[in-house]
């Protein structure tokens, strides 16, 4: 059964990386895109979203989430 979990993430994110040519770059992401990039960086690091959830917060089924009547929010 698919589940969702509430994970606190920053609304702004700076990512430093090297290009294939060895040039150091920094990109800045905000709001939804910052959350998405942080999620993908977690994949690269082998971190699961459940490891980012606050103590006492548990995943809920997608069906239960859809029926909650609560819209997604990007508040910190």
PDB file of N, CA and C in Angstrom:
ATOM      1  N   UNK A   1       0.843  -1.169   0.000  1.00  0.00           N
ATOM      2  CA  UNK A   1       0.000   0.000   0.000  1.00  0.00           C
ATOM      3  C   UNK A   1       0.900   1.249   0.000  1.00  0.00           C
ATOM      4  N   UNK A   2       0.687   2.179  -0.935  1.00  0.00           N
ATOM      5  CA  UNK A   2       1.484   3.412  -0.958  1.00  0.00           C
ATOM      6  C   UNK A   2       1.180   4.279   0.256  1.00  0.00           C
ATOM      7  N   UNK A   3       2.202   4.917   0.765  1.00  0.00           N
ATOM      8  CA  UNK A   3       2.041   5.803   1.918  1.00  0.00           C
ATOM      9  C   UNK A   3       2.691   7.148   1.640  1.00  0.00           C
ATOM     10  N   UNK A   4       2.306   8.131   2.442  1.00  0.00           N
ATOM     11  CA  UNK A   4       2.911   9.454   2.400  1.00  0.00           C
ATOM     12  C   UNK A   4       3.324   9.801   3.817  1.00  0.00           C
ATOM     13  N   UNK A   5       4.319  10.679   3.904  1.00  0.00           N
ATOM     14  CA  UNK A   5       4.758  11.116   5.213  1.00  0.00           C
ATOM     15  C   UNK A   5       5.130  12.583   5.191  1.00  0.00           C
ATOM     16  N   UNK A   6       4.799  13.276   6.261  1.00  0.00           N
ATOM     17  CA  UNK A   6       5.123  14.686   6.379  1.00  0.00           C
ATOM     18  C   UNK A   6       6.589  14.819   6.793  1.00  0.00           C
ATOM     19  N   UNK A   7       7.378  15.470   5.959  1.00  0.00           N
ATOM     20  CA  UNK A   7       8.812  15.622   6.207  1.00  0.00           C
ATOM     21  C   UNK A   7       9.140  17.109   6.238  1.00  0.00           C
ATOM     22  N   UNK A   8       9.709  17.603   7.338  1.00  0.00           N
ATOM     23  CA  UNK A   8      10.099  19.016   7.376  1.00  0.00           C
ATOM     24  C   UNK A   8      11.302  19.249   6.457  1.00  0.00           C
ATOM     25  N   UNK A   9      11.225  20.272   5.646  1.00  0.00           N
ATOM     26  CA  UNK A   9      12.330  20.624   4.747  1.00  0.00           C
ATOM     27  C   UNK A   9      12.420  22.140   4.662  1.00  0.00           C
ATOM     28  N   UNK A  10      13.599  22.622   4.355  1.00  0.00           N
ATOM     29  CA  UNK A  10      13.820  24.057   4.184  1.00  0.00           C
ATOM     30  C   UNK A  10      13.095  24.551   2.941  1.00  0.00           C
ATOM     31  N   UNK A  11      12.685  25.812   2.975  1.00  0.00           N
ATOM     32  CA  UNK A  11      12.033  26.420   1.823  1.00  0.00           C
ATOM     33  C   UNK A  11      13.038  27.090   0.896  1.00  0.00           C
ATOM     34  N   UNK A  12      14.301  27.070   1.273  1.00  0.00           N
ATOM     35  CA  UNK A  12      15.374  27.573   0.412  1.00  0.00           C
ATOM     36  C   UNK A  12      16.558  26.630   0.564  1.00  0.00           C
ATOM     37  N   UNK A  13      17.220  26.364  -0.548  1.00  0.00           N
ATOM     38  CA  UNK A  13      18.305  25.391  -0.550  1.00  0.00           C
ATOM     39  C   UNK A  13      19.386  25.843  -1.516  1.00  0.00           C
ATOM     40  N   UNK A  14      20.633  25.801  -1.061  1.00  0.00           N
ATOM     41  CA  UNK A  14      21.789  26.072  -1.930  1.00  0.00           C
ATOM     42  C   UNK A  14      22.518  24.754  -2.133  1.00  0.00           C
ATOM     43  N   UNK A  15      22.781  24.430  -3.388  1.00  0.00           N
ATOM     44  CA  UNK A  15      23.465  23.182  -3.714  1.00  0.00           C
ATOM     45  C   UNK A  15      24.743  23.511  -4.463  1.00  0.00           C
ATOM     46  N   UNK A  16      25.867  23.073  -3.911  1.00  0.00           N
ATOM     47  CA  UNK A  16      27.160  23.237  -4.586  1.00  0.00           C
ATOM     48  C   UNK A  16      27.489  21.935  -5.300  1.00  0.00           C
ATOM     49  N   UNK A  17      27.965  22.040  -6.522  1.00  0.00           N
ATOM     50  CA  UNK A  17      28.296  20.861  -7.310  1.00  0.00           C
ATOM     51  C   UNK A  17      29.390  21.202  -8.314  1.00  0.00           C
ATOM     52  N   UNK A  18      30.044  20.179  -8.835  1.00  0.00           N
ATOM     53  CA  UNK A  18      31.071  20.336  -9.855  1.00  0.00           C
ATOM     54  C   UNK A  18      30.516  19.855 -11.186  1.00  0.00           C
ATOM     55  N   UNK A  19      30.773  20.621 -12.241  1.00  0.00           N
ATOM     56  CA  UNK A  19      30.361  20.193 -13.574  1.00  0.00           C
ATOM     57  C   UNK A  19      31.321  19.114 -14.069  1.00  0.00           C
ATOM     58  N   UNK A  20      31.003  18.521 -15.194  1.00  0.00           N
ATOM     59  CA  UNK A  20      31.886  17.506 -15.782  1.00  0.00           C
ATOM     60  C   UNK A  20      33.249  18.089 -16.134  1.00  0.00           C
ATOM     61  N   UNK A  21      33.290  19.406 -16.350  1.00  0.00           N
ATOM     62  CA  UNK A  21      34.553  20.074 -16.659  1.00  0.00           C
ATOM     63  C   UNK A  21      35.334  20.454 -15.401  1.00  0.00           C
ATOM     64  N   UNK A  22      34.779  20.158 -14.225  1.00  0.00           N
ATOM     65  CA  UNK A  22      35.460  20.452 -12.968  1.00  0.00           C
ATOM     66  C   UNK A  22      35.211  21.851 -12.430  1.00  0.00           C
ATOM     67  N   UNK A  23      34.245  22.555 -12.977  1.00  0.00           N
ATOM     68  CA  UNK A  23      33.920  23.906 -12.521  1.00  0.00           C
ATOM     69  C   UNK A  23      32.933  23.806 -11.360  1.00  0.00           C
ATOM     70  N   UNK A  24      33.240  24.507 -10.261  1.00  0.00           N
ATOM     71  CA  UNK A  24      32.360  24.522  -9.088  1.00  0.00           C
ATOM     72  C   UNK A  24      31.222  25.505  -9.345  1.00  0.00           C
ATOM     73  N   UNK A  25      29.997  25.054  -9.126  1.00  0.00           N
ATOM     74  CA  UNK A  25      28.808  25.881  -9.309  1.00  0.00           C
ATOM     75  C   UNK A  25      27.950  25.803  -8.059  1.00  0.00           C
ATOM     76  N   UNK A  26      27.113  26.813  -7.884  1.00  0.00           N
ATOM     77  CA  UNK A  26      26.149  26.826  -6.789  1.00  0.00           C
ATOM     78  C   UNK A  26      24.799  27.221  -7.383  1.00  0.00           C
ATOM     79  N   UNK A  27      23.777  26.427  -7.098  1.00  0.00           N
ATOM     80  CA  UNK A  27      22.417  26.742  -7.530  1.00  0.00           C
ATOM     81  C   UNK A  27      21.558  26.959  -6.296  1.00  0.00           C
ATOM     82  N   UNK A  28      20.613  27.877  -6.413  1.00  0.00           N
ATOM     83  CA  UNK A  28      19.694  28.191  -5.317  1.00  0.00           C
ATOM     84  C   UNK A  28      18.288  27.783  -5.747  1.00  0.00           C
ATOM     85  N   UNK A  29      17.606  27.067  -4.871  1.00  0.00           N
ATOM     86  CA  UNK A  29      16.244  26.610  -5.129  1.00  0.00           C
ATOM     87  C   UNK A  29      15.345  27.107  -4.008  1.00  0.00           C
ATOM     88  N   UNK A  30      14.080  27.384  -4.330  1.00  0.00           N
ATOM     89  CA  UNK A  30      13.148  27.888  -3.330  1.00  0.00           C
ATOM     90  C   UNK A  30      11.817  27.147  -3.386  1.00  0.00           C
ATOM     91  N   UNK A  31      11.153  27.144  -2.244  1.00  0.00           N
ATOM     92  CA  UNK A  31       9.805  26.597  -2.066  1.00  0.00           C
ATOM     93  C   UNK A  31       9.686  25.154  -2.546  1.00  0.00           C
ATOM     94  N   UNK A  32       8.739  24.875  -3.429  1.00  0.00           N
ATOM     95  CA  UNK A  32       8.497  23.503  -3.864  1.00  0.00           C
ATOM     96  C   UNK A  32       9.700  22.871  -4.534  1.00  0.00           C
ATOM     97  N   UNK A  33      10.419  23.653  -5.332  1.00  0.00           N
ATOM     98  CA  UNK A  33      11.589  23.111  -6.008  1.00  0.00           C
ATOM     99  C   UNK A  33      12.693  22.779  -5.002  1.00  0.00           C
ATOM    100  N   UNK A  34      12.820  23.584  -3.937  1.00  0.00           N
ATOM    101  CA  UNK A  34      13.810  23.288  -2.890  1.00  0.00           C
ATOM    102  C   UNK A  34      13.472  21.959  -2.215  1.00  0.00           C
ATOM    103  N   UNK A  35      12.197  21.720  -1.945  1.00  0.00           N
ATOM    104  CA  UNK A  35      11.778  20.453  -1.334  1.00  0.00           C
ATOM    105  C   UNK A  35      12.080  19.282  -2.258  1.00  0.00           C
ATOM    106  N   UNK A  36      11.802  19.463  -3.548  1.00  0.00           N
ATOM    107  CA  UNK A  36      12.045  18.403  -4.515  1.00  0.00           C
ATOM    108  C   UNK A  36      13.532  18.076  -4.621  1.00  0.00           C
ATOM    109  N   UNK A  37      14.369  19.114  -4.710  1.00  0.00           N
ATOM    110  CA  UNK A  37      15.818  18.899  -4.813  1.00  0.00           C
ATOM    111  C   UNK A  37      16.339  18.231  -3.541  1.00  0.00           C
ATOM    112  N   UNK A  38      15.875  18.676  -2.377  1.00  0.00           N
ATOM    113  CA  UNK A  38      16.311  18.056  -1.120  1.00  0.00           C
ATOM    114  C   UNK A  38      15.928  16.577  -1.090  1.00  0.00           C
ATOM    115  N   UNK A  39      14.748  16.267  -1.576  1.00  0.00           N
ATOM    116  CA  UNK A  39      14.293  14.876  -1.646  1.00  0.00           C
ATOM    117  C   UNK A  39      15.223  14.050  -2.545  1.00  0.00           C
ATOM    118  N   UNK A  40      15.583  14.602  -3.692  1.00  0.00           N
ATOM    119  CA  UNK A  40      16.459  13.878  -4.618  1.00  0.00           C
ATOM    120  C   UNK A  40      17.881  13.749  -4.071  1.00  0.00           C
ATOM    121  N   UNK A  41      18.369  14.769  -3.387  1.00  0.00           N
ATOM    122  CA  UNK A  41      19.694  14.690  -2.755  1.00  0.00           C
ATOM    123  C   UNK A  41      19.687  13.603  -1.694  1.00  0.00           C
ATOM    124  N   UNK A  42      18.574  13.479  -0.960  1.00  0.00           N
ATOM    125  CA  UNK A  42      18.450  12.388   0.008  1.00  0.00           C
ATOM    126  C   UNK A  42      18.590  11.031  -0.680  1.00  0.00           C
ATOM    127  N   UNK A  43      17.985  10.882  -1.864  1.00  0.00           N
ATOM    128  CA  UNK A  43      18.142   9.626  -2.613  1.00  0.00           C
ATOM    129  C   UNK A  43      19.617   9.348  -2.884  1.00  0.00           C
ATOM    130  N   UNK A  44      20.336  10.360  -3.332  1.00  0.00           N
ATOM    131  CA  UNK A  44      21.759  10.182  -3.645  1.00  0.00           C
ATOM    132  C   UNK A  44      22.556   9.778  -2.409  1.00  0.00           C
ATOM    133  N   UNK A  45      22.133  10.272  -1.253  1.00  0.00           N
ATOM    134  CA  UNK A  45      22.831   9.965  -0.004  1.00  0.00           C
ATOM    135  C   UNK A  45      22.327   8.670   0.640  1.00  0.00           C
ATOM    136  N   UNK A  46      21.283   8.070   0.068  1.00  0.00           N
ATOM    137  CA  UNK A  46      20.731   6.841   0.632  1.00  0.00           C
ATOM    138  C   UNK A  46      19.840   7.073   1.834  1.00  0.00           C
ATOM    139  N   UNK A  47      19.324   8.292   1.981  1.00  0.00           N
ATOM    140  CA  UNK A  47      18.459   8.631   3.109  1.00  0.00           C
ATOM    141  C   UNK A  47      17.000   8.452   2.711  1.00  0.00           C
ATOM    142  N   UNK A  48      16.242   7.719   3.518  1.00  0.00           N
ATOM    143  CA  UNK A  48      14.826   7.526   3.263  1.00  0.00           C
ATOM    144  C   UNK A  48      14.014   8.618   3.950  1.00  0.00           C
ATOM    145  N   UNK A  49      12.875   8.985   3.354  1.00  0.00           N
ATOM    146  CA  UNK A  49      12.076  10.071   3.927  1.00  0.00           C
ATOM    147  C   UNK A  49      11.602   9.741   5.334  1.00  0.00           C
ATOM    148  N   UNK A  50      11.403   8.470   5.633  1.00  0.00           N
ATOM    149  CA  UNK A  50      10.973   8.114   6.993  1.00  0.00           C
ATOM    150  C   UNK A  50      12.018   8.515   8.025  1.00  0.00           C
ATOM    151  N   UNK A  51      13.272   8.536   7.624  1.00  0.00           N
ATOM    152  CA  UNK A  51      14.334   8.981   8.513  1.00  0.00           C
ATOM    153  C   UNK A  51      14.328  10.474   8.759  1.00  0.00           C
ATOM    154  N   UNK A  52      13.593  11.210   7.957  1.00  0.00           N
ATOM    155  CA  UNK A  52      13.476  12.663   8.091  1.00  0.00           C
ATOM    156  C   UNK A  52      12.213  13.090   8.845  1.00  0.00           C
ATOM    157  N   UNK A  53      11.315  12.151   9.090  1.00  0.00           N
ATOM    158  CA  UNK A  53      10.069  12.498   9.773  1.00  0.00           C
ATOM    159  C   UNK A  53      10.338  12.793  11.246  1.00  0.00           C
ATOM    160  N   UNK A  54       9.570  13.727  11.794  1.00  0.00           N
ATOM    161  CA  UNK A  54       9.719  14.078  13.210  1.00  0.00           C
ATOM    162  C   UNK A  54       9.263  12.913  14.087  1.00  0.00           C
ATOM    163  N   UNK A  55       9.827  12.809  15.295  1.00  0.00           N
ATOM    164  CA  UNK A  55       9.389  11.754  16.217  1.00  0.00           C
ATOM    165  C   UNK A  55       7.883  11.855  16.464  1.00  0.00           C
ATOM    166  N   UNK A  56       7.228  10.724  16.479  1.00  0.00           N
ATOM    167  CA  UNK A  56       5.789  10.691  16.737  1.00  0.00           C
ATOM    168  C   UNK A  56       4.936  10.907  15.500  1.00  0.00           C
ATOM    169  N   UNK A  57       5.548  11.205  14.351  1.00  0.00           N
ATOM    170  CA  UNK A  57       4.812  11.369  13.098  1.00  0.00           C
ATOM    171  C   UNK A  57       5.028  10.102  12.283  1.00  0.00           C
ATOM    172  N   UNK A  58       3.947   9.547  11.767  1.00  0.00           N
ATOM    173  CA  UNK A  58       4.035   8.275  11.052  1.00  0.00           C
ATOM    174  C   UNK A  58       3.431   8.419   9.655  1.00  0.00           C
ATOM    175  N   UNK A  59       3.889   7.602   8.724  1.00  0.00           N
ATOM    176  CA  UNK A  59       3.292   7.634   7.380  1.00  0.00           C
ATOM    177  C   UNK A  59       1.819   7.240   7.430  1.00  0.00           C
ATOM    178  N   UNK A  60       1.043   7.808   6.493  1.00  0.00           N
ATOM    179  CA  UNK A  60      -0.355   7.426   6.350  1.00  0.00           C
ATOM    180  C   UNK A  60      -0.562   6.944   4.913  1.00  0.00           C
ATOM    181  N   UNK A  61      -1.588   6.158   4.701  1.00  0.00           N
ATOM    182  CA  UNK A  61      -1.863   5.656   3.362  1.00  0.00           C
ATOM    183  C   UNK A  61      -2.248   6.818   2.446  1.00  0.00           C
ATOM    184  N   UNK A  62      -1.953   6.654   1.172  1.00  0.00           N
ATOM    185  CA  UNK A  62      -2.304   7.689   0.193  1.00  0.00           C
ATOM    186  C   UNK A  62      -3.815   7.903   0.183  1.00  0.00           C
ATOM    187  N   UNK A  63      -4.581   6.837   0.297  1.00  0.00           N
ATOM    188  CA  UNK A  63      -6.041   6.970   0.320  1.00  0.00           C
ATOM    189  C   UNK A  63      -6.502   7.805   1.518  1.00  0.00           C
ATOM    190  N   UNK A  64      -5.899   7.561   2.671  1.00  0.00           N
ATOM    191  CA  UNK A  64      -6.246   8.339   3.864  1.00  0.00           C
ATOM    192  C   UNK A  64      -5.838   9.796   3.673  1.00  0.00           C
ATOM    193  N   UNK A  65      -4.665  10.037   3.094  1.00  0.00           N
ATOM    194  CA  UNK A  65      -4.186  11.399   2.861  1.00  0.00           C
ATOM    195  C   UNK A  65      -5.130  12.149   1.922  1.00  0.00           C
ATOM    196  N   UNK A  66      -5.544  11.486   0.851  1.00  0.00           N
ATOM    197  CA  UNK A  66      -6.443  12.116  -0.120  1.00  0.00           C
ATOM    198  C   UNK A  66      -7.773  12.481   0.526  1.00  0.00           C
ATOM    199  N   UNK A  67      -8.200  11.723   1.503  1.00  0.00           N
ATOM    200  CA  UNK A  67      -9.471  11.987   2.162  1.00  0.00           C
ATOM    201  C   UNK A  67      -9.362  12.955   3.328  1.00  0.00           C
ATOM    202  N   UNK A  68      -8.168  13.492   3.568  1.00  0.00           N
ATOM    203  CA  UNK A  68      -7.979  14.349   4.738  1.00  0.00           C
ATOM    204  C   UNK A  68      -8.564  15.743   4.544  1.00  0.00           C
ATOM    205  N   UNK A  69      -8.747  16.173   3.285  1.00  0.00           N
ATOM    206  CA  UNK A  69      -9.274  17.512   3.028  1.00  0.00           C
ATOM    207  C   UNK A  69      -8.250  18.606   3.258  1.00  0.00           C
ATOM    208  N   UNK A  70      -6.996  18.229   3.491  1.00  0.00           N
ATOM    209  CA  UNK A  70      -5.944  19.209   3.740  1.00  0.00           C
ATOM    210  C   UNK A  70      -5.092  19.359   2.484  1.00  0.00           C
ATOM    211  N   UNK A  71      -5.011  20.579   1.970  1.00  0.00           N
ATOM    212  CA  UNK A  71      -4.176  20.839   0.793  1.00  0.00           C
ATOM    213  C   UNK A  71      -2.714  20.825   1.190  1.00  0.00           C
ATOM    214  N   UNK A  72      -1.851  20.494   0.221  1.00  0.00           N
ATOM    215  CA  UNK A  72      -0.420  20.507   0.463  1.00  0.00           C
ATOM    216  C   UNK A  72       0.043  21.922   0.740  1.00  0.00           C
ATOM    217  N   UNK A  73       0.957  22.104   1.672  1.00  0.00           N
ATOM    218  CA  UNK A  73       1.446  23.424   2.053  1.00  0.00           C
ATOM    219  C   UNK A  73       2.958  23.437   2.050  1.00  0.00           C
ATOM    220  N   UNK A  74       3.554  24.576   1.668  1.00  0.00           N
ATOM    221  CA  UNK A  74       5.010  24.706   1.651  1.00  0.00           C
ATOM    222  C   UNK A  74       5.521  25.502   2.843  1.00  0.00           C
ATOM    223  N   UNK A  75       4.721  25.597   3.879  1.00  0.00           N
ATOM    224  CA  UNK A  75       5.155  26.318   5.073  1.00  0.00           C
ATOM    225  C   UNK A  75       6.190  25.505   5.835  1.00  0.00           C
ATOM    226  N   UNK A  76       7.114  26.205   6.462  1.00  0.00           N
ATOM    227  CA  UNK A  76       8.183  25.543   7.225  1.00  0.00           C
ATOM    228  C   UNK A  76       7.666  24.988   8.519  1.00  0.00           C
TER     229      UNK A  76
END
